[in-house]
Amino acid sequence: MTLCISQMFLCYMAMWACAAFCKMKHPASTGIILMIQTILISLITNNFSQSAWFSYMLFLVFLGGMLVLFIYLTSVASNELFSSKVHWVMMGVMIMMTMPILMMLDPLPLSNNTPDTEMMTTSPEVMMSSLFNYPYSLLTVGVIAYLFLTLIVVVKITESHSGPLRSSN
């Protein structure tokens, strides 16, 4: 029961971070929210998987991307002031009301005590192949698609014929 409550809390926090990310206007605050989302998704992935290496690698990849984003923002973005016009309490109540409905609609189990996972052994071959089998294959394909899309966006942003990203005046 404790595992289920902690996973629901992580899902609540991830939903809050998604809603807060949509409302942020400042680049530094969106970076902080993105980092919080990365930590929460890594923790949720760690709870669902047999080994923690996939969530650890996911966290390290996002952390590297955040470092590049931080360097870019410090060199390009101006010193904007933070504004707090978001109604955090209203957003939290809205998320808490919609999360149980989403949990009832989602067929994904909240624990590793399902018949499918009881038969799995802890050998390295089974752990490696479990990322490419049914429950986790969608996550793996999603990460691959996200990284490919990010690669395309970075290449388009940093085209060499357009000159430097920031012109020196």
N, C-alpha and C. Protein backbone atom coordinates (compact mmCIF):
# COMPACT_ATOMS: atom_id res chain seq x y z
N MET A 1 0.82 -1.20 0.00
CA MET A 1 0.00 0.00 0.00
C MET A 1 0.87 1.26 0.00
N THR A 2 2.01 1.19 0.72
CA THR A 2 2.89 2.35 0.78
C THR A 2 3.47 2.66 -0.60
N LEU A 3 3.79 1.62 -1.36
CA LEU A 3 4.32 1.81 -2.70
C LEU A 3 3.29 2.50 -3.60
N CYS A 4 2.04 2.09 -3.46
CA CYS A 4 0.97 2.69 -4.26
C CYS A 4 0.79 4.16 -3.91
N ILE A 5 0.84 4.50 -2.63
CA ILE A 5 0.67 5.89 -2.20
C ILE A 5 1.85 6.73 -2.67
N SER A 6 3.06 6.20 -2.55
CA SER A 6 4.22 6.98 -2.99
C SER A 6 4.20 7.18 -4.51
N GLN A 7 3.75 6.17 -5.26
CA GLN A 7 3.67 6.34 -6.71
C GLN A 7 2.57 7.33 -7.09
N MET A 8 1.46 7.32 -6.36
CA MET A 8 0.42 8.31 -6.63
C MET A 8 0.91 9.71 -6.30
N PHE A 9 1.70 9.84 -5.22
CA PHE A 9 2.26 11.15 -4.88
C PHE A 9 3.21 11.62 -5.98
N LEU A 10 4.05 10.71 -6.48
CA LEU A 10 4.95 11.08 -7.58
C LEU A 10 4.16 11.47 -8.83
N CYS A 11 3.06 10.77 -9.09
CA CYS A 11 2.23 11.13 -10.25
C CYS A 11 1.58 12.49 -10.04
N TYR A 12 1.11 12.77 -8.82
CA TYR A 12 0.56 14.10 -8.52
C TYR A 12 1.61 15.18 -8.75
N MET A 13 2.80 14.95 -8.27
CA MET A 13 3.87 15.94 -8.43
C MET A 13 4.24 16.11 -9.90
N ALA A 14 4.26 15.02 -10.67
CA ALA A 14 4.57 15.12 -12.09
C ALA A 14 3.49 15.90 -12.83
N MET A 15 2.23 15.68 -12.46
CA MET A 15 1.14 16.45 -13.08
C MET A 15 1.26 17.92 -12.72
N TRP A 16 1.62 18.22 -11.48
CA TRP A 16 1.80 19.61 -11.06
C TRP A 16 2.94 20.25 -11.85
N ALA A 17 4.02 19.52 -12.03
CA ALA A 17 5.16 20.06 -12.78
C ALA A 17 4.79 20.31 -14.24
N CYS A 18 3.97 19.43 -14.82
CA CYS A 18 3.53 19.65 -16.21
C CYS A 18 2.67 20.90 -16.31
N ALA A 19 1.75 21.06 -15.36
CA ALA A 19 0.89 22.25 -15.39
C ALA A 19 1.69 23.51 -15.12
N ALA A 20 2.66 23.44 -14.21
CA ALA A 20 3.48 24.61 -13.90
C ALA A 20 4.38 24.97 -15.08
N PHE A 21 4.85 23.96 -15.81
CA PHE A 21 5.71 24.22 -16.97
C PHE A 21 4.98 25.02 -18.04
N CYS A 22 3.69 24.73 -18.20
CA CYS A 22 2.91 25.46 -19.21
C CYS A 22 2.70 26.92 -18.83
N LYS A 23 2.73 27.24 -17.55
CA LYS A 23 2.47 28.60 -17.10
C LYS A 23 3.72 29.46 -16.95
N MET A 24 4.89 28.87 -16.99
CA MET A 24 6.12 29.62 -16.77
C MET A 24 6.49 30.44 -18.00
N LYS A 25 6.99 31.64 -17.75
CA LYS A 25 7.41 32.53 -18.82
C LYS A 25 8.92 32.77 -18.83
N HIS A 26 9.56 32.67 -17.68
CA HIS A 26 10.98 32.96 -17.55
C HIS A 26 11.79 31.72 -17.92
N PRO A 27 12.87 31.86 -18.68
CA PRO A 27 13.66 30.69 -19.09
C PRO A 27 14.27 29.92 -17.92
N ALA A 28 14.71 30.61 -16.89
CA ALA A 28 15.31 29.91 -15.75
C ALA A 28 14.26 29.10 -14.99
N SER A 29 13.06 29.64 -14.85
CA SER A 29 12.02 28.90 -14.13
C SER A 29 11.55 27.69 -14.94
N THR A 30 11.50 27.81 -16.26
CA THR A 30 11.15 26.63 -17.05
C THR A 30 12.24 25.57 -16.97
N GLY A 31 13.49 25.99 -16.87
CA GLY A 31 14.58 25.03 -16.69
C GLY A 31 14.49 24.31 -15.36
N ILE A 32 14.13 25.03 -14.31
CA ILE A 32 13.98 24.41 -12.99
C ILE A 32 12.82 23.43 -12.99
N ILE A 33 11.71 23.81 -13.59
CA ILE A 33 10.55 22.91 -13.66
C ILE A 33 10.89 21.68 -14.51
N LEU A 34 11.64 21.87 -15.58
CA LEU A 34 12.06 20.73 -16.41
C LEU A 34 12.97 19.79 -15.62
N MET A 35 13.82 20.35 -14.78
CA MET A 35 14.69 19.51 -13.94
C MET A 35 13.86 18.74 -12.92
N ILE A 36 12.86 19.39 -12.33
CA ILE A 36 11.97 18.70 -11.38
C ILE A 36 11.22 17.58 -12.09
N GLN A 37 10.73 17.85 -13.31
CA GLN A 37 10.05 16.81 -14.08
C GLN A 37 10.98 15.63 -14.37
N THR A 38 12.22 15.92 -14.68
CA THR A 38 13.18 14.85 -14.97
C THR A 38 13.40 13.98 -13.75
N ILE A 39 13.56 14.60 -12.60
CA ILE A 39 13.75 13.82 -11.37
C ILE A 39 12.53 12.98 -11.07
N LEU A 40 11.33 13.55 -11.23
CA LEU A 40 10.11 12.80 -10.95
C LEU A 40 9.91 11.65 -11.92
N ILE A 41 10.16 11.88 -13.19
CA ILE A 41 10.01 10.80 -14.18
C ILE A 41 11.04 9.71 -13.93
N SER A 42 12.24 10.08 -13.52
CA SER A 42 13.25 9.07 -13.20
C SER A 42 12.83 8.24 -11.99
N LEU A 43 12.25 8.88 -10.99
CA LEU A 43 11.77 8.14 -9.82
C LEU A 43 10.60 7.23 -10.17
N ILE A 44 9.68 7.71 -11.00
CA ILE A 44 8.55 6.87 -11.41
C ILE A 44 9.05 5.69 -12.24
N THR A 45 9.98 5.93 -13.14
CA THR A 45 10.54 4.85 -13.96
C THR A 45 11.28 3.84 -13.09
N ASN A 46 11.97 4.32 -12.07
CA ASN A 46 12.68 3.43 -11.15
C ASN A 46 11.70 2.55 -10.39
N ASN A 47 10.54 3.08 -10.02
CA ASN A 47 9.56 2.27 -9.30
C ASN A 47 8.96 1.19 -10.17
N PHE A 48 8.81 1.44 -11.47
CA PHE A 48 8.18 0.48 -12.36
C PHE A 48 9.13 -0.57 -12.91
N SER A 49 10.42 -0.32 -12.90
CA SER A 49 11.35 -1.24 -13.55
C SER A 49 12.05 -2.13 -12.53
N GLN A 50 12.68 -3.17 -13.04
CA GLN A 50 13.39 -4.12 -12.19
C GLN A 50 14.76 -3.60 -11.78
N SER A 51 15.37 -2.78 -12.62
CA SER A 51 16.68 -2.22 -12.29
C SER A 51 16.63 -0.71 -12.43
N ALA A 52 17.53 -0.05 -11.74
CA ALA A 52 17.51 1.41 -11.71
C ALA A 52 18.39 2.04 -12.78
N TRP A 53 19.07 1.26 -13.61
CA TRP A 53 20.03 1.85 -14.54
C TRP A 53 19.35 2.67 -15.62
N PHE A 54 18.14 2.25 -16.06
CA PHE A 54 17.45 3.01 -17.10
C PHE A 54 17.05 4.40 -16.60
N SER A 55 16.52 4.47 -15.39
CA SER A 55 16.15 5.78 -14.85
C SER A 55 17.38 6.63 -14.56
N TYR A 56 18.46 5.99 -14.16
CA TYR A 56 19.71 6.72 -13.92
C TYR A 56 20.26 7.30 -15.22
N MET A 57 20.26 6.51 -16.28
CA MET A 57 20.74 7.00 -17.58
C MET A 57 19.83 8.09 -18.13
N LEU A 58 18.53 7.95 -17.94
CA LEU A 58 17.58 8.98 -18.37
C LEU A 58 17.86 10.29 -17.65
N PHE A 59 18.12 10.20 -16.35
CA PHE A 59 18.43 11.40 -15.57
C PHE A 59 19.73 12.04 -16.04
N LEU A 60 20.75 11.24 -16.31
CA LEU A 60 22.03 11.80 -16.76
C LEU A 60 21.92 12.45 -18.14
N VAL A 61 21.14 11.87 -19.04
CA VAL A 61 20.97 12.47 -20.36
C VAL A 61 20.25 13.81 -20.24
N PHE A 62 19.20 13.86 -19.45
CA PHE A 62 18.49 15.12 -19.27
C PHE A 62 19.34 16.14 -18.54
N LEU A 63 20.14 15.70 -17.59
CA LEU A 63 21.02 16.62 -16.87
C LEU A 63 22.05 17.23 -17.83
N GLY A 64 22.60 16.42 -18.72
CA GLY A 64 23.52 16.96 -19.72
C GLY A 64 22.85 17.97 -20.63
N GLY A 65 21.62 17.67 -21.04
CA GLY A 65 20.87 18.62 -21.85
C GLY A 65 20.57 19.90 -21.10
N MET A 66 20.30 19.79 -19.81
CA MET A 66 20.02 20.98 -19.00
C MET A 66 21.28 21.83 -18.84
N LEU A 67 22.44 21.21 -18.76
CA LEU A 67 23.68 21.99 -18.68
C LEU A 67 23.91 22.79 -19.96
N VAL A 68 23.65 22.16 -21.10
CA VAL A 68 23.78 22.88 -22.37
C VAL A 68 22.77 24.01 -22.44
N LEU A 69 21.54 23.75 -22.01
CA LEU A 69 20.51 24.77 -22.00
C LEU A 69 20.86 25.91 -21.06
N PHE A 70 21.44 25.60 -19.91
CA PHE A 70 21.84 26.64 -18.96
C PHE A 70 22.94 27.53 -19.54
N ILE A 71 23.92 26.93 -20.20
CA ILE A 71 24.98 27.71 -20.82
C ILE A 71 24.41 28.60 -21.92
N TYR A 72 23.50 28.07 -22.70
CA TYR A 72 22.88 28.86 -23.77
C TYR A 72 22.08 30.03 -23.18
N LEU A 73 21.33 29.78 -22.12
CA LEU A 73 20.51 30.84 -21.53
C LEU A 73 21.35 31.92 -20.87
N THR A 74 22.45 31.54 -20.25
CA THR A 74 23.28 32.56 -19.61
C THR A 74 23.98 33.43 -20.64
N SER A 75 24.20 32.91 -21.84
CA SER A 75 24.87 33.73 -22.84
C SER A 75 23.90 34.53 -23.70
N VAL A 76 22.66 34.10 -23.83
CA VAL A 76 21.73 34.75 -24.74
C VAL A 76 20.62 35.51 -24.03
N ALA A 77 20.01 34.90 -23.02
CA ALA A 77 18.81 35.49 -22.40
C ALA A 77 19.18 36.71 -21.59
N SER A 78 18.28 37.68 -21.62
CA SER A 78 18.51 38.89 -20.84
C SER A 78 18.09 38.65 -19.39
N ASN A 79 18.41 39.60 -18.54
CA ASN A 79 18.06 39.49 -17.13
C ASN A 79 16.61 39.91 -16.94
N GLU A 80 15.72 38.97 -17.06
CA GLU A 80 14.30 39.24 -16.89
C GLU A 80 13.92 39.01 -15.44
N LEU A 81 12.91 39.71 -14.99
CA LEU A 81 12.42 39.55 -13.63
C LEU A 81 11.42 38.40 -13.58
N PHE A 82 11.42 37.70 -12.44
CA PHE A 82 10.43 36.66 -12.23
C PHE A 82 9.09 37.29 -11.91
N SER A 83 8.03 36.71 -12.40
CA SER A 83 6.69 37.15 -12.03
C SER A 83 5.89 35.94 -11.57
N SER A 84 5.18 36.08 -10.48
CA SER A 84 4.42 34.95 -9.93
C SER A 84 2.93 35.24 -10.04
N LYS A 85 2.38 35.08 -11.23
CA LYS A 85 0.97 35.29 -11.46
C LYS A 85 0.19 33.98 -11.53
N VAL A 86 0.84 32.88 -11.22
CA VAL A 86 0.19 31.58 -11.31
C VAL A 86 -0.53 31.30 -10.00
N HIS A 87 -1.74 30.80 -10.10
CA HIS A 87 -2.51 30.42 -8.92
C HIS A 87 -2.17 28.97 -8.58
N TRP A 88 -1.16 28.79 -7.75
CA TRP A 88 -0.64 27.46 -7.45
C TRP A 88 -1.66 26.59 -6.72
N VAL A 89 -2.44 27.20 -5.83
CA VAL A 89 -3.41 26.41 -5.07
C VAL A 89 -4.49 25.88 -6.00
N MET A 90 -4.98 26.71 -6.90
CA MET A 90 -6.02 26.29 -7.84
C MET A 90 -5.50 25.17 -8.74
N MET A 91 -4.26 25.28 -9.17
CA MET A 91 -3.68 24.27 -10.03
C MET A 91 -3.52 22.95 -9.26
N GLY A 92 -3.10 23.02 -8.00
CA GLY A 92 -2.96 21.81 -7.21
C GLY A 92 -4.28 21.11 -6.96
N VAL A 93 -5.33 21.88 -6.69
CA VAL A 93 -6.66 21.30 -6.48
C VAL A 93 -7.17 20.66 -7.76
N MET A 94 -6.95 21.31 -8.88
CA MET A 94 -7.39 20.77 -10.16
C MET A 94 -6.68 19.45 -10.47
N ILE A 95 -5.40 19.40 -10.18
CA ILE A 95 -4.64 18.17 -10.43
C ILE A 95 -5.10 17.06 -9.50
N MET A 96 -5.32 17.39 -8.23
CA MET A 96 -5.77 16.36 -7.28
C MET A 96 -7.16 15.84 -7.62
N MET A 97 -7.98 16.64 -8.26
CA MET A 97 -9.31 16.17 -8.66
C MET A 97 -9.25 15.30 -9.91
N THR A 98 -8.35 15.60 -10.83
CA THR A 98 -8.29 14.83 -12.07
C THR A 98 -7.41 13.58 -11.97
N MET A 99 -6.49 13.55 -11.03
CA MET A 99 -5.56 12.42 -10.95
C MET A 99 -6.25 11.10 -10.62
N PRO A 100 -7.18 11.02 -9.66
CA PRO A 100 -7.85 9.72 -9.43
C PRO A 100 -8.62 9.22 -10.65
N ILE A 101 -9.19 10.14 -11.42
CA ILE A 101 -9.90 9.72 -12.63
C ILE A 101 -8.92 9.13 -13.63
N LEU A 102 -7.77 9.77 -13.78
CA LEU A 102 -6.76 9.24 -14.69
C LEU A 102 -6.21 7.91 -14.21
N MET A 103 -6.10 7.74 -12.90
CA MET A 103 -5.60 6.47 -12.36
C MET A 103 -6.60 5.34 -12.63
N MET A 104 -7.90 5.65 -12.58
CA MET A 104 -8.89 4.61 -12.84
C MET A 104 -8.93 4.24 -14.32
N LEU A 105 -8.66 5.19 -15.20
CA LEU A 105 -8.70 4.92 -16.63
C LEU A 105 -7.44 4.24 -17.15
N ASP A 106 -6.32 4.41 -16.45
CA ASP A 106 -5.04 3.88 -16.92
C ASP A 106 -4.92 2.41 -16.56
N PRO A 107 -4.72 1.52 -17.52
CA PRO A 107 -4.60 0.11 -17.19
C PRO A 107 -3.22 -0.29 -16.66
N LEU A 108 -2.26 0.63 -16.62
CA LEU A 108 -0.92 0.31 -16.15
C LEU A 108 -0.96 0.02 -14.65
N PRO A 109 -0.45 -1.12 -14.20
CA PRO A 109 -0.49 -1.43 -12.78
C PRO A 109 0.46 -0.52 -12.00
N LEU A 110 0.11 -0.30 -10.74
CA LEU A 110 0.91 0.59 -9.90
C LEU A 110 1.94 -0.15 -9.07
N SER A 111 2.06 -1.43 -9.23
CA SER A 111 3.07 -2.15 -8.46
C SER A 111 3.70 -3.22 -9.35
N ASN A 112 4.80 -3.75 -8.87
CA ASN A 112 5.50 -4.81 -9.60
C ASN A 112 5.01 -6.19 -9.21
N ASN A 113 3.91 -6.29 -8.50
CA ASN A 113 3.42 -7.58 -8.02
C ASN A 113 2.38 -8.17 -8.96
N THR A 114 2.49 -7.94 -10.23
CA THR A 114 1.57 -8.53 -11.20
C THR A 114 2.10 -9.89 -11.62
N PRO A 115 1.25 -10.74 -12.18
CA PRO A 115 1.73 -12.07 -12.61
C PRO A 115 2.82 -12.00 -13.66
N ASP A 116 2.81 -10.96 -14.49
CA ASP A 116 3.85 -10.85 -15.51
C ASP A 116 5.23 -10.63 -14.90
N THR A 117 5.30 -9.82 -13.86
CA THR A 117 6.60 -9.51 -13.28
C THR A 117 7.06 -10.55 -12.26
N GLU A 118 6.15 -11.36 -11.73
CA GLU A 118 6.56 -12.39 -10.78
C GLU A 118 7.37 -13.49 -11.45
N MET A 119 7.09 -13.74 -12.74
CA MET A 119 7.80 -14.81 -13.44
C MET A 119 9.18 -14.38 -13.90
N MET A 120 9.43 -13.10 -13.91
CA MET A 120 10.72 -12.62 -14.40
C MET A 120 11.83 -12.92 -13.39
N THR A 121 12.95 -13.32 -13.89
CA THR A 121 14.11 -13.54 -13.03
C THR A 121 14.96 -12.29 -13.01
N THR A 122 16.00 -12.32 -12.23
CA THR A 122 16.86 -11.14 -12.12
C THR A 122 18.14 -11.28 -12.93
N SER A 123 18.14 -12.13 -13.93
CA SER A 123 19.35 -12.27 -14.75
C SER A 123 19.52 -11.03 -15.62
N PRO A 124 20.75 -10.68 -15.96
CA PRO A 124 20.98 -9.47 -16.77
C PRO A 124 20.31 -9.53 -18.15
N GLU A 125 20.22 -10.73 -18.75
CA GLU A 125 19.60 -10.84 -20.06
C GLU A 125 18.12 -10.48 -20.00
N VAL A 126 17.45 -10.94 -18.95
CA VAL A 126 16.02 -10.64 -18.82
C VAL A 126 15.82 -9.16 -18.53
N MET A 127 16.70 -8.58 -17.72
CA MET A 127 16.58 -7.15 -17.42
C MET A 127 16.80 -6.31 -18.67
N MET A 128 17.75 -6.68 -19.50
CA MET A 128 18.03 -5.91 -20.71
C MET A 128 16.89 -6.05 -21.72
N SER A 129 16.37 -7.26 -21.87
CA SER A 129 15.31 -7.45 -22.86
C SER A 129 13.98 -6.91 -22.38
N SER A 130 13.82 -6.69 -21.07
CA SER A 130 12.54 -6.19 -20.58
C SER A 130 12.29 -4.76 -21.03
N LEU A 131 13.33 -4.01 -21.36
CA LEU A 131 13.13 -2.65 -21.86
C LEU A 131 12.52 -2.64 -23.25
N PHE A 132 12.67 -3.73 -23.98
CA PHE A 132 12.19 -3.78 -25.35
C PHE A 132 10.95 -4.65 -25.49
N ASN A 133 10.41 -5.15 -24.40
CA ASN A 133 9.17 -5.92 -24.42
C ASN A 133 8.00 -5.02 -24.09
N TYR A 134 6.78 -5.58 -24.04
CA TYR A 134 5.55 -4.80 -24.06
C TYR A 134 5.43 -3.65 -23.07
N PRO A 135 5.46 -3.83 -21.78
CA PRO A 135 5.11 -2.66 -20.97
C PRO A 135 6.09 -1.50 -21.12
N TYR A 136 7.37 -1.80 -21.30
CA TYR A 136 8.38 -0.75 -21.33
C TYR A 136 8.80 -0.36 -22.74
N SER A 137 8.31 -1.07 -23.73
CA SER A 137 8.70 -0.73 -25.10
C SER A 137 8.18 0.64 -25.51
N LEU A 138 7.01 1.01 -25.01
CA LEU A 138 6.47 2.34 -25.33
C LEU A 138 7.35 3.43 -24.73
N LEU A 139 7.86 3.20 -23.53
CA LEU A 139 8.76 4.16 -22.91
C LEU A 139 10.07 4.28 -23.68
N THR A 140 10.60 3.15 -24.11
CA THR A 140 11.85 3.16 -24.88
C THR A 140 11.66 3.87 -26.22
N VAL A 141 10.58 3.57 -26.90
CA VAL A 141 10.30 4.23 -28.18
C VAL A 141 10.07 5.72 -27.97
N GLY A 142 9.41 6.10 -26.89
CA GLY A 142 9.19 7.51 -26.58
C GLY A 142 10.49 8.25 -26.34
N VAL A 143 11.40 7.65 -25.60
CA VAL A 143 12.69 8.28 -25.34
C VAL A 143 13.50 8.41 -26.63
N ILE A 144 13.46 7.38 -27.46
CA ILE A 144 14.18 7.44 -28.74
C ILE A 144 13.60 8.54 -29.63
N ALA A 145 12.28 8.63 -29.69
CA ALA A 145 11.64 9.67 -30.52
C ALA A 145 11.95 11.06 -29.97
N TYR A 146 11.94 11.19 -28.64
CA TYR A 146 12.25 12.49 -28.03
C TYR A 146 13.69 12.91 -28.34
N LEU A 147 14.63 11.99 -28.19
CA LEU A 147 16.03 12.31 -28.47
C LEU A 147 16.24 12.64 -29.95
N PHE A 148 15.56 11.94 -30.84
CA PHE A 148 15.67 12.23 -32.27
C PHE A 148 15.10 13.60 -32.59
N LEU A 149 13.94 13.92 -32.02
CA LEU A 149 13.34 15.23 -32.24
C LEU A 149 14.22 16.34 -31.69
N THR A 150 14.82 16.11 -30.52
CA THR A 150 15.73 17.09 -29.94
C THR A 150 16.96 17.29 -30.82
N LEU A 151 17.48 16.22 -31.38
CA LEU A 151 18.62 16.32 -32.29
C LEU A 151 18.27 17.16 -33.51
N ILE A 152 17.10 16.94 -34.09
CA ILE A 152 16.69 17.72 -35.26
C ILE A 152 16.53 19.19 -34.90
N VAL A 153 15.92 19.48 -33.75
CA VAL A 153 15.72 20.87 -33.34
C VAL A 153 17.05 21.57 -33.10
N VAL A 154 17.98 20.89 -32.44
CA VAL A 154 19.29 21.50 -32.17
C VAL A 154 20.04 21.75 -33.47
N VAL A 155 19.96 20.84 -34.42
CA VAL A 155 20.63 21.04 -35.71
C VAL A 155 20.01 22.22 -36.45
N LYS A 156 18.69 22.35 -36.41
CA LYS A 156 18.04 23.46 -37.10
C LYS A 156 18.35 24.80 -36.42
N ILE A 157 18.46 24.81 -35.10
CA ILE A 157 18.77 26.05 -34.39
C ILE A 157 20.19 26.50 -34.68
N THR A 158 21.11 25.57 -34.75
CA THR A 158 22.53 25.92 -34.88
C THR A 158 23.04 25.72 -36.30
N GLU A 159 22.27 26.12 -37.28
CA GLU A 159 22.74 26.01 -38.66
C GLU A 159 23.96 26.90 -38.86
N SER A 160 24.98 26.37 -39.50
CA SER A 160 26.24 27.11 -39.61
C SER A 160 26.17 28.25 -40.62
N HIS A 161 25.33 28.15 -41.64
CA HIS A 161 25.28 29.21 -42.64
C HIS A 161 24.54 30.45 -42.14
N SER A 162 23.83 30.33 -41.04
CA SER A 162 23.10 31.48 -40.50
C SER A 162 23.98 32.35 -39.62
N GLY A 163 25.16 31.93 -39.31
CA GLY A 163 26.05 32.70 -38.45
C GLY A 163 25.93 32.26 -37.00
N PRO A 164 26.52 33.02 -36.09
CA PRO A 164 26.46 32.64 -34.68
C PRO A 164 25.05 32.78 -34.12
N LEU A 165 24.81 32.11 -32.99
CA LEU A 165 23.50 32.19 -32.37
C LEU A 165 23.19 33.59 -31.87
N ARG A 166 24.20 34.28 -31.41
CA ARG A 166 24.02 35.65 -30.93
C ARG A 166 25.04 36.53 -31.63
N SER A 167 24.56 37.59 -32.23
CA SER A 167 25.48 38.48 -32.92
C SER A 167 26.18 39.38 -31.91
N SER A 168 27.46 39.63 -32.14
CA SER A 168 28.21 40.50 -31.23
C SER A 168 28.10 41.93 -31.73
N ASN A 169 27.40 42.74 -30.96
CA ASN A 169 27.18 44.15 -31.36
C ASN A 169 28.29 45.03 -30.90
